[in-house]
């Protein structure tokens, strides 16, 4: 081997050691950087003629373990879905309140029942009559407020879907740009950015990555391409305010990608079924409307309890009693929509509407105030409210319940669903953490390992430097002999 070959080999070794040291130092510096994957230097043997001439630096690569990344992405989408769903069900629970602490709707039921019983016990008290009317108004107002807040929950979900779609499309545009980068110019930084963008999309809509020369393709869990050389942007039209009767397609928007309906919960066989966006659609189109159905059923139950002609013989036959359904004098129909938003107290007992509190004691049809000590009518109202009555079928409660018991059943059912959703979210989060840790162990930076590699690299550098020094000394010796 000639001096020239020896120097060439040693010099290439120095260059390789320098590059490896730089990459190791970068790995250590970015050990805690989110989305950073460990870098390695790719080397190959350099051949000059038919002889080895050291090594050549091919490039710097990011470490990838594709099956671990795919598993982590799958669980990330599940985690995003369950977390968003749990957040939504928790808000519903907070709206209706917990029977155990007597807040929300159940508090209004309890206050009305107590005030009605107090008035029946002391019918001559105008103060207690007024409190009973006020508590009835409070119960109606609570239904109205919960209905309005439920509409707002749906509106917020619709808005957040639009924000999610905007985020997806922005990421798709950037991925399209990265796909246009020539293969030879793809750096580890580009690889990391591409994966971050894919992860961002995957949390909103689950996707599968298909790698090809020159870039990647993205396919939804329903088999629709979001990225295939160019991006297929997701289409969605936000609704300014979502009303009680609005449903998917009438006129609420769904999702379309590449000309295909991918709406979660829709009728398309290619619908997407996971990720945060699926939970938002479920919130807008299923969970909150289901809660509103329960509210309407409870409001209908309250109205119908006092609509029986035997409860108040003074009212017009067949019409509602203490509570009414908006401007209608007829009791609500089965599963009628919007009753919670429209429930009111009868104008006959409301001074703000030209009525008189005494009609709560004397009957809605009373034209003059009756005996102050007469409590028969108030007792009939109490019996109607606390007596057992068959629950509306939509509530799924078997047997007869008092009004407050029925509200407690519904609140408990909602709380049970909330706990189940929270448990599912916790389970999904734990699985995701395990998958993420497994991936990090494979592609993340272990500073101890990198420091050990630096020691080995230093030894390699010193060995190649020693070869060059030895060759230099030999050349000097030969020149001195000459």
Protein backbone atom coordinates (compact mmCIF):
# COMPACT_ATOMS: atom_id res chain seq x y z
CA UNK A 1 0.00 0.00 0.00
CA UNK A 2 1.43 3.39 -0.99
CA UNK A 3 1.76 6.41 1.24
CA UNK A 4 -0.87 8.11 -0.89
CA UNK A 5 -3.40 5.31 -0.34
CA UNK A 6 -2.66 5.24 3.35
CA UNK A 7 -3.13 9.00 3.69
CA UNK A 8 -6.33 8.85 1.64
CA UNK A 9 -7.80 6.16 3.86
CA UNK A 10 -6.82 7.94 7.06
CA UNK A 11 -8.13 11.28 5.81
CA UNK A 12 -11.47 9.73 4.88
CA UNK A 13 -11.59 8.20 8.35
CA UNK A 14 -10.99 11.63 9.90
CA UNK A 15 -13.77 13.14 7.81
CA UNK A 16 -16.17 10.33 8.77
CA UNK A 17 -15.32 10.69 12.46
CA UNK A 18 -15.84 14.45 12.26
CA UNK A 19 -19.25 14.02 10.62
CA UNK A 20 -20.27 11.37 13.15
CA UNK A 21 -19.16 13.56 16.05
CA UNK A 22 -21.16 16.49 14.69
CA UNK A 23 -24.28 14.35 14.34
CA UNK A 24 -23.86 12.87 17.83
CA UNK A 25 -23.49 16.36 19.28
CA UNK A 26 -26.63 17.47 17.43
CA UNK A 27 -28.49 14.43 18.79
CA UNK A 28 -27.50 15.31 22.35
CA UNK A 29 -28.45 18.97 21.89
CA UNK A 30 -31.91 18.02 20.57
CA UNK A 31 -32.61 15.14 22.95
CA UNK A 32 -35.65 16.94 24.38
CA UNK A 33 -36.85 18.58 21.16
CA UNK A 34 -40.39 17.46 20.30
CA UNK A 35 -40.53 15.50 17.06
CA UNK A 36 -36.75 15.16 16.72
CA UNK A 37 -35.52 11.72 15.69
CA UNK A 38 -32.01 10.41 16.16
CA UNK A 39 -29.65 11.04 13.26
CA UNK A 40 -27.03 8.64 11.92
CA UNK A 41 -24.26 9.09 9.38
CA UNK A 42 -24.46 6.71 6.44
CA UNK A 43 -21.06 5.54 5.18
CA UNK A 44 -19.93 3.29 2.36
CA UNK A 45 -16.63 1.94 1.15
CA UNK A 46 -14.78 4.11 -1.34
CA UNK A 47 -13.13 2.23 -4.20
CA UNK A 48 -10.41 3.73 -6.37
CA UNK A 49 -9.60 1.50 -9.28
CA UNK A 50 -9.89 -1.94 -7.77
CA UNK A 51 -8.58 -1.04 -4.34
CA UNK A 52 -10.23 0.25 -1.22
CA UNK A 53 -9.58 3.92 -0.50
CA UNK A 54 -11.33 4.45 2.82
CA UNK A 55 -14.92 5.44 3.35
CA UNK A 56 -17.28 7.92 1.76
CA UNK A 57 -20.00 9.86 3.57
CA UNK A 58 -23.30 9.09 1.82
CA UNK A 59 -25.46 11.37 3.96
CA UNK A 60 -27.19 11.91 7.27
CA UNK A 61 -30.38 10.00 7.93
CA UNK A 62 -33.16 10.03 10.49
CA UNK A 63 -33.74 6.74 12.27
CA UNK A 64 -37.11 5.21 11.37
CA UNK A 65 -38.96 2.14 12.63
CA UNK A 66 -42.04 2.23 10.47
CA UNK A 67 -44.16 -0.40 12.25
CA UNK A 68 -43.66 1.37 15.60
CA UNK A 69 -44.56 4.71 14.06
CA UNK A 70 -47.67 3.23 12.44
CA UNK A 71 -48.77 1.72 15.76
CA UNK A 72 -48.18 4.99 17.59
CA UNK A 73 -50.17 6.90 14.93
CA UNK A 74 -53.11 4.49 15.21
CA UNK A 75 -53.23 4.92 18.97
CA UNK A 76 -52.72 8.70 18.69
CA UNK A 77 -55.89 8.95 16.59
CA UNK A 78 -57.77 6.80 19.10
CA UNK A 79 -56.46 8.94 21.96
CA UNK A 80 -57.56 12.15 20.23
CA UNK A 81 -61.03 10.71 19.61
CA UNK A 82 -61.64 9.42 23.13
CA UNK A 83 -60.18 12.53 24.76
CA UNK A 84 -62.39 14.87 22.74
CA UNK A 85 -65.45 12.69 23.36
CA UNK A 86 -64.77 12.62 27.11
CA UNK A 87 -64.44 16.40 27.16
CA UNK A 88 -67.79 16.72 25.41
CA UNK A 89 -69.64 14.32 27.70
CA UNK A 90 -68.16 16.08 30.72
CA UNK A 91 -69.61 19.37 29.54
CA UNK A 92 -73.05 17.74 29.17
CA UNK A 93 -72.79 16.43 32.74
CA UNK A 94 -71.85 19.89 33.97
CA UNK A 95 -74.85 21.35 32.16
CA UNK A 96 -77.49 19.11 33.73
CA UNK A 97 -75.85 18.94 37.15
CA UNK A 98 -75.31 16.18 39.69
CA UNK A 99 -78.27 15.08 41.85
CA UNK A 100 -75.87 14.51 44.73
CA UNK A 101 -75.07 18.21 45.09
CA UNK A 102 -78.43 19.56 43.93
CA UNK A 103 -77.21 21.88 41.21
CA UNK A 104 -78.32 22.52 37.66
CA UNK A 105 -81.62 21.05 36.54
CA UNK A 106 -82.06 18.80 39.58
CA UNK A 107 -81.64 21.83 41.87
CA UNK A 108 -84.50 23.57 40.07
CA UNK A 109 -86.68 20.47 40.43
CA UNK A 110 -85.92 20.26 44.14
CA UNK A 111 -86.54 23.96 44.74
CA UNK A 112 -89.89 23.85 42.94
CA UNK A 113 -91.02 20.74 44.82
CA UNK A 114 -90.05 22.27 48.17
CA UNK A 115 -91.70 25.60 47.40
CA UNK A 116 -94.89 23.88 46.21
CA UNK A 117 -95.09 21.79 49.38
CA UNK A 118 -94.44 24.85 51.57
CA UNK A 119 -97.26 26.75 49.84
CA UNK A 120 -99.62 23.80 50.23
CA UNK A 121 -98.80 23.61 53.93
CA UNK A 122 -99.47 27.34 54.42
CA UNK A 123 -101.87 28.35 51.62
CA UNK A 124 -102.73 31.67 53.27
CA UNK A 125 -99.15 32.96 52.85
CA UNK A 126 -98.79 35.28 49.83
CA UNK A 127 -95.02 35.11 50.28
CA UNK A 128 -94.98 31.31 49.91
CA UNK A 129 -97.33 31.52 46.91
CA UNK A 130 -94.97 33.97 45.24
CA UNK A 131 -91.98 31.74 46.03
CA UNK A 132 -93.76 28.75 44.50
CA UNK A 133 -94.51 30.72 41.32
CA UNK A 134 -90.92 32.01 41.22
CA UNK A 135 -89.54 28.49 41.60
CA UNK A 136 -91.83 27.30 38.80
CA UNK A 137 -90.46 30.12 36.65
CA UNK A 138 -86.93 29.11 37.65
CA UNK A 139 -87.59 25.51 36.54
CA UNK A 140 -88.90 26.70 33.16
CA UNK A 141 -85.95 29.10 32.80
CA UNK A 142 -83.52 26.30 33.58
CA UNK A 143 -84.96 24.19 30.77
CA UNK A 144 -84.76 27.19 28.42
CA UNK A 145 -81.15 27.91 29.38
CA UNK A 146 -80.04 24.29 29.06
CA UNK A 147 -81.64 24.06 25.62
CA UNK A 148 -79.87 27.24 24.52
CA UNK A 149 -76.55 26.07 25.93
CA UNK A 150 -76.96 22.72 24.18
CA UNK A 151 -77.47 24.59 20.89
CA UNK A 152 -74.28 26.50 21.68
CA UNK A 153 -72.42 23.24 22.29
CA UNK A 154 -73.43 22.07 18.82
CA UNK A 155 -72.44 25.42 17.34
CA UNK A 156 -69.05 25.22 19.05
CA UNK A 157 -68.52 21.68 17.74
CA UNK A 158 -69.41 22.83 14.23
CA UNK A 159 -66.93 25.72 14.51
CA UNK A 160 -64.19 23.44 15.80
CA UNK A 161 -64.77 21.05 12.89
CA UNK A 162 -64.15 23.98 10.56
CA UNK A 163 -60.95 24.83 12.46
CA UNK A 164 -59.84 21.21 12.26
CA UNK A 165 -60.44 21.13 8.51
CA UNK A 166 -58.45 24.33 8.12
CA UNK A 167 -55.56 22.81 10.05
CA UNK A 168 -55.69 19.63 7.94
CA UNK A 169 -55.67 21.55 4.68
CA UNK A 170 -52.77 23.75 5.75
CA UNK A 171 -50.75 20.65 6.64
CA UNK A 172 -51.70 18.97 3.36
CA UNK A 173 -50.51 21.98 1.39
CA UNK A 174 -47.14 21.89 3.14
CA UNK A 175 -46.85 18.14 2.55
CA UNK A 176 -47.57 18.71 -1.13
CA UNK A 177 -44.70 21.21 -1.18
CA UNK A 178 -42.39 18.72 0.55
CA UNK A 179 -43.35 16.03 -1.94
CA UNK A 180 -41.98 18.30 -4.64
CA UNK A 181 -38.50 18.35 -3.05
CA UNK A 182 -36.08 16.27 -5.17
CA UNK A 183 -35.18 12.95 -3.59
CA UNK A 184 -31.50 13.87 -3.31
CA UNK A 185 -32.32 17.06 -1.40
CA UNK A 186 -34.43 15.48 1.34
CA UNK A 187 -32.69 16.16 4.63
CA UNK A 188 -33.43 14.75 8.10
CA UNK A 189 -35.03 18.10 8.94
CA UNK A 190 -37.47 17.63 6.05
CA UNK A 191 -38.17 14.07 7.14
CA UNK A 192 -38.95 15.23 10.69
CA UNK A 193 -41.17 18.06 9.45
CA UNK A 194 -43.05 15.67 7.20
CA UNK A 195 -43.71 13.31 10.10
CA UNK A 196 -44.89 16.17 12.32
CA UNK A 197 -47.37 17.23 9.65
CA UNK A 198 -48.59 13.67 9.20
CA UNK A 199 -49.04 13.36 12.97
CA UNK A 200 -50.99 16.62 13.01
CA UNK A 201 -53.38 15.36 10.33
CA UNK A 202 -53.62 11.90 11.89
CA UNK A 203 -54.90 13.29 15.19
CA UNK A 204 -57.75 14.95 13.31
CA UNK A 205 -58.43 12.20 10.73
CA UNK A 206 -56.69 8.80 11.00
CA UNK A 207 -54.41 8.25 8.03
CA UNK A 208 -52.12 5.59 6.66
CA UNK A 209 -48.79 6.62 5.09
CA UNK A 210 -47.80 5.02 1.81
CA UNK A 211 -44.19 5.72 0.95
CA UNK A 212 -43.06 6.04 -2.62
CA UNK A 213 -40.04 7.40 -4.44
CA UNK A 214 -40.17 11.15 -4.24
CA UNK A 215 -42.62 11.48 -1.37
CA UNK A 216 -45.54 10.00 0.50
CA UNK A 217 -49.25 9.42 0.01
CA UNK A 218 -51.85 9.77 2.76
CA UNK A 219 -54.97 7.60 2.85
CA UNK A 220 -57.83 7.97 5.34
CA UNK A 221 -59.12 5.04 7.38
CA UNK A 222 -61.99 4.92 4.89
CA UNK A 223 -59.62 4.46 1.95
CA UNK A 224 -59.77 7.98 0.49
CA UNK A 225 -56.59 9.73 -0.67
CA UNK A 226 -55.82 13.02 1.05
CA UNK A 227 -52.41 13.26 -0.61
CA UNK A 228 -51.29 11.63 -3.83
CA UNK A 229 -48.55 13.80 -5.32
CA UNK A 230 -50.98 16.70 -4.91
CA UNK A 231 -53.31 17.32 -1.98
CA UNK A 232 -57.03 16.53 -1.97
CA UNK A 233 -58.23 19.27 0.33
CA UNK A 234 -61.04 18.47 2.76
CA UNK A 235 -64.27 20.41 2.19
CA UNK A 236 -66.56 21.59 4.98
CA UNK A 237 -68.93 24.53 5.38
CA UNK A 238 -69.41 25.88 8.89
CA UNK A 239 -72.87 26.91 10.07
CA UNK A 240 -73.00 30.21 11.92
CA UNK A 241 -75.49 29.00 14.52
CA UNK A 242 -76.75 25.44 14.91
CA UNK A 243 -80.43 25.20 15.82
CA UNK A 244 -82.30 22.46 17.64
CA UNK A 245 -83.90 20.93 14.56
CA UNK A 246 -80.86 21.10 12.29
CA UNK A 247 -79.33 17.77 11.30
CA UNK A 248 -76.59 16.48 9.02
CA UNK A 249 -77.40 17.55 5.49
CA UNK A 250 -80.39 19.60 6.64
CA UNK A 251 -78.53 21.89 6.53
CA UNK A 252 -75.41 20.93 8.54
CA UNK A 253 -72.35 20.22 6.45
CA UNK A 254 -70.51 16.94 6.18
CA UNK A 255 -66.94 16.23 5.04
CA UNK A 256 -65.83 15.68 1.48
CA UNK A 257 -62.33 14.71 0.30
CA UNK A 258 -61.28 13.94 -3.25
CA UNK A 259 -64.96 14.27 -4.20
CA UNK A 260 -65.98 11.51 -1.77
CA UNK A 261 -68.18 11.82 1.30
CA UNK A 262 -66.10 10.91 4.37
CA UNK A 263 -68.44 12.35 7.03
CA UNK A 264 -68.12 10.53 10.37
CA UNK A 265 -71.44 9.00 11.33
CA UNK A 266 -72.81 9.54 7.83
CA UNK A 267 -74.05 7.03 5.30
CA UNK A 268 -70.91 6.75 3.16
CA UNK A 269 -69.04 3.42 3.30
CA UNK A 270 -65.84 5.47 3.14
CA UNK A 271 -66.58 7.61 6.15
CA UNK A 272 -63.76 8.31 8.59
CA UNK A 273 -64.39 6.79 11.99
CA UNK A 274 -61.73 8.12 14.32
CA UNK A 275 -59.62 11.07 15.32
CA UNK A 276 -60.69 14.32 16.93
CA UNK A 277 -62.91 15.31 14.04
CA UNK A 278 -65.06 12.16 14.42
CA UNK A 279 -65.63 13.00 18.09
CA UNK A 280 -66.66 16.55 17.14
CA UNK A 281 -69.16 15.25 14.60
CA UNK A 282 -70.50 12.82 17.20
CA UNK A 283 -70.84 15.71 19.63
CA UNK A 284 -72.65 17.88 17.10
CA UNK A 285 -74.90 15.24 15.53
CA UNK A 286 -75.45 12.56 18.18
CA UNK A 287 -74.43 13.28 21.78
CA UNK A 288 -75.83 16.78 22.19
CA UNK A 289 -79.02 16.09 20.18
CA UNK A 290 -79.53 13.02 22.38
CA UNK A 291 -79.19 15.22 25.44
CA UNK A 292 -81.67 17.67 23.94
CA UNK A 293 -84.11 14.80 23.33
CA UNK A 294 -83.86 13.99 27.03
CA UNK A 295 -84.42 17.63 27.99
CA UNK A 296 -87.48 17.83 25.74
CA UNK A 297 -88.86 14.60 27.24
CA UNK A 298 -88.37 15.90 30.79
CA UNK A 299 -89.97 19.25 29.90
CA UNK A 300 -92.90 17.40 28.30
CA UNK A 301 -93.27 15.31 31.44
CA UNK A 302 -93.41 18.45 33.61
CA UNK A 303 -96.05 20.06 31.37
CA UNK A 304 -98.16 16.91 31.09
CA UNK A 305 -98.15 16.28 34.84
CA UNK A 306 -100.24 19.41 35.31
CA UNK A 307 -102.29 19.07 32.11
CA UNK A 308 -104.63 16.41 33.49
CA UNK A 309 -108.07 17.93 33.97
CA UNK A 310 -108.35 16.36 37.44
CA UNK A 311 -105.30 18.30 38.65
CA UNK A 312 -106.99 21.67 38.05
CA UNK A 313 -110.75 21.43 37.42
CA UNK A 314 -110.91 25.21 36.78
CA UNK A 315 -108.76 25.22 33.65
CA UNK A 316 -110.15 24.70 30.11
CA UNK A 317 -110.66 20.99 29.39
CA UNK A 318 -107.82 19.39 27.41
CA UNK A 319 -105.45 22.33 27.75
CA UNK A 320 -102.15 22.54 29.60
CA UNK A 321 -102.03 23.64 33.22
CA UNK A 322 -99.34 25.29 35.33
CA UNK A 323 -96.73 24.93 32.54
CA UNK A 324 -97.31 25.53 28.83
CA UNK A 325 -95.45 24.74 25.62
CA UNK A 326 -94.79 28.17 24.17
CA UNK A 327 -97.93 29.72 22.69
CA UNK A 328 -99.65 26.34 22.40
CA UNK A 329 -102.43 25.46 24.83
CA UNK A 330 -102.27 21.77 23.90
CA UNK A 331 -100.03 19.29 25.75
CA UNK A 332 -96.79 18.37 23.88
CA UNK A 333 -96.92 15.48 21.46
CA UNK A 334 -94.81 12.36 22.04
CA UNK A 335 -91.13 13.09 21.36
CA UNK A 336 -91.94 16.64 20.31
CA UNK A 337 -88.78 18.64 19.51
CA UNK A 338 -88.07 21.97 21.17
CA UNK A 339 -90.25 21.64 24.29
CA UNK A 340 -87.35 22.46 26.64
CA UNK A 341 -86.71 25.69 24.73
CA UNK A 342 -90.43 26.63 24.77
CA UNK A 343 -91.62 25.63 28.25
CA UNK A 344 -93.15 28.56 30.19
CA UNK A 345 -95.29 29.03 33.26
CA UNK A 346 -98.95 29.75 32.58
CA UNK A 347 -99.60 33.47 32.24
CA UNK A 348 -102.58 33.13 34.60
CA UNK A 349 -100.24 32.79 37.64
CA UNK A 350 -97.51 35.16 36.46
CA UNK A 351 -97.91 38.84 37.42
CA UNK A 352 -95.31 39.74 34.78
CA UNK A 353 -97.77 38.45 32.17
CA UNK A 354 -100.87 39.99 33.75
CA UNK A 355 -101.66 37.02 35.98
CA UNK A 356 -102.03 36.61 39.74
CA UNK A 357 -100.14 34.39 42.18
CA UNK A 358 -103.36 33.43 43.97
CA UNK A 359 -104.46 31.32 40.97
CA UNK A 360 -101.79 28.84 41.94
CA UNK A 361 -103.90 28.20 45.08
CA UNK A 362 -107.38 28.79 43.67
CA UNK A 363 -107.04 27.38 40.15
CA UNK A 364 -106.01 28.81 36.78
CA UNK A 365 -109.62 29.61 35.90
CA UNK A 366 -110.32 31.52 39.13
CA UNK A 367 -111.58 35.04 38.46
CA UNK A 368 -111.51 36.21 42.06
CA UNK A 369 -109.32 35.28 45.01
CA UNK A 370 -110.76 32.42 47.06
CA UNK A 371 -110.46 31.57 50.76
CA UNK A 372 -106.88 32.06 51.94
CA UNK A 373 -106.80 28.80 53.86
CA UNK A 374 -107.95 26.62 50.95
CA UNK A 375 -105.12 24.22 50.11
CA UNK A 376 -106.89 21.53 48.07
CA UNK A 377 -105.70 22.83 44.71
CA UNK A 378 -102.11 23.21 45.91
CA UNK A 379 -102.17 19.65 47.25
CA UNK A 380 -103.34 18.39 43.85
CA UNK A 381 -100.39 20.19 42.26
CA UNK A 382 -98.03 18.61 44.78
CA UNK A 383 -99.49 15.16 44.12
CA UNK A 384 -99.13 15.64 40.37
CA UNK A 385 -95.45 16.55 40.74
CA UNK A 386 -94.40 13.96 43.30
CA UNK A 387 -96.71 11.17 42.18
CA UNK A 388 -95.55 8.27 40.06
CA UNK A 389 -95.98 8.67 36.31
CA UNK A 390 -94.86 6.56 33.36
CA UNK A 391 -91.74 8.08 31.87
CA UNK A 392 -91.54 9.08 28.19
CA UNK A 393 -90.23 6.09 26.25
CA UNK A 394 -87.27 8.01 24.84
CA UNK A 395 -85.75 8.25 28.33
CA UNK A 396 -85.51 4.48 28.61
CA UNK A 397 -86.74 4.48 32.24
CA UNK A 398 -89.03 1.60 33.17
CA UNK A 399 -91.87 1.98 35.64
CA UNK A 400 -93.35 5.08 37.20
CA UNK A 401 -91.37 7.94 38.70
CA UNK A 402 -91.99 11.27 40.37
CA UNK A 403 -90.79 14.29 38.40
CA UNK A 404 -87.68 14.71 40.56
CA UNK A 405 -86.91 10.98 40.44
CA UNK A 406 -87.14 11.05 36.66
CA UNK A 407 -84.75 14.02 36.47
CA UNK A 408 -82.37 12.20 38.82
CA UNK A 409 -82.51 9.07 36.61
CA UNK A 410 -81.61 11.10 33.55
CA UNK A 411 -78.81 12.94 35.38
CA UNK A 412 -77.41 9.64 36.66
CA UNK A 413 -77.54 8.13 33.17
CA UNK A 414 -75.65 11.09 31.73
CA UNK A 415 -73.12 10.93 34.56
CA UNK A 416 -72.65 7.19 33.90
CA UNK A 417 -71.96 7.86 30.22
CA UNK A 418 -69.52 10.57 31.25
CA UNK A 419 -67.60 8.18 33.52
CA UNK A 420 -67.47 5.55 30.78
CA UNK A 421 -66.12 8.11 28.32
CA UNK A 422 -63.53 9.27 30.86
CA UNK A 423 -62.44 5.67 31.49
CA UNK A 424 -62.14 5.02 27.75
CA UNK A 425 -60.06 8.19 27.35
CA UNK A 426 -57.75 7.17 30.20
CA UNK A 427 -57.29 3.69 28.73
CA UNK A 428 -56.55 5.12 25.28
CA UNK A 429 -54.10 7.64 26.73
CA UNK A 430 -52.20 4.89 28.55
CA UNK A 431 -51.99 2.77 25.41
CA UNK A 432 -50.80 5.76 23.41
CA UNK A 433 -48.13 6.57 26.01
CA UNK A 434 -46.83 3.00 25.84
CA UNK A 435 -46.67 3.08 22.03
CA UNK A 436 -45.00 6.50 22.04
CA UNK A 437 -42.40 5.35 24.56
CA UNK A 438 -41.67 2.25 22.47
CA UNK A 439 -41.13 4.41 19.40
CA UNK A 440 -38.97 6.89 21.32
CA UNK A 441 -36.76 4.09 22.58
CA UNK A 442 -36.15 3.07 18.97
CA UNK A 443 -35.86 6.45 17.24
CA UNK A 444 -35.34 8.92 20.06
CA UNK A 445 -32.09 10.12 21.53
CA UNK A 446 -30.46 8.29 24.44
CA UNK A 447 -27.84 10.75 25.67
CA UNK A 448 -25.89 8.00 27.47
CA UNK A 449 -25.55 6.04 24.23
CA UNK A 450 -24.60 9.17 22.29
CA UNK A 451 -21.87 10.02 24.82
CA UNK A 452 -20.52 6.48 24.57
CA UNK A 453 -20.52 6.82 20.77
CA UNK A 454 -18.59 10.08 21.09
CA UNK A 455 -15.87 8.26 23.02
CA UNK A 456 -15.65 5.60 20.29
CA UNK A 457 -15.65 8.31 17.59
CA UNK A 458 -12.88 10.12 19.44
CA UNK A 459 -10.81 6.94 19.49
CA UNK A 460 -11.40 6.42 15.76
CA UNK A 461 -10.42 10.02 15.09
CA UNK A 462 -7.27 9.61 17.19
CA UNK A 463 -6.38 6.38 15.40
CA UNK A 464 -6.68 7.97 11.94
CA UNK A 465 -4.76 11.02 13.10
CA UNK A 466 -2.02 8.71 14.41
CA UNK A 467 -1.81 7.00 11.01
CA UNK A 468 -1.36 10.38 9.31
CA UNK A 469 1.26 11.37 11.88
CA UNK A 470 3.12 8.10 11.38
CA UNK A 471 3.09 8.50 7.59
CA UNK A 472 4.37 12.05 8.03
CA UNK A 473 7.19 10.85 10.28
CA UNK A 474 8.11 8.13 7.79
CA UNK A 475 8.23 10.63 4.95
CA UNK A 476 10.39 12.96 7.02
CA UNK A 477 12.72 10.07 7.82
CA UNK A 478 13.05 9.11 4.16
CA UNK A 479 13.72 12.68 3.14
CA UNK A 480 16.43 13.02 5.79
CA UNK A 481 18.13 9.88 4.51
CA UNK A 482 18.16 11.25 1.00
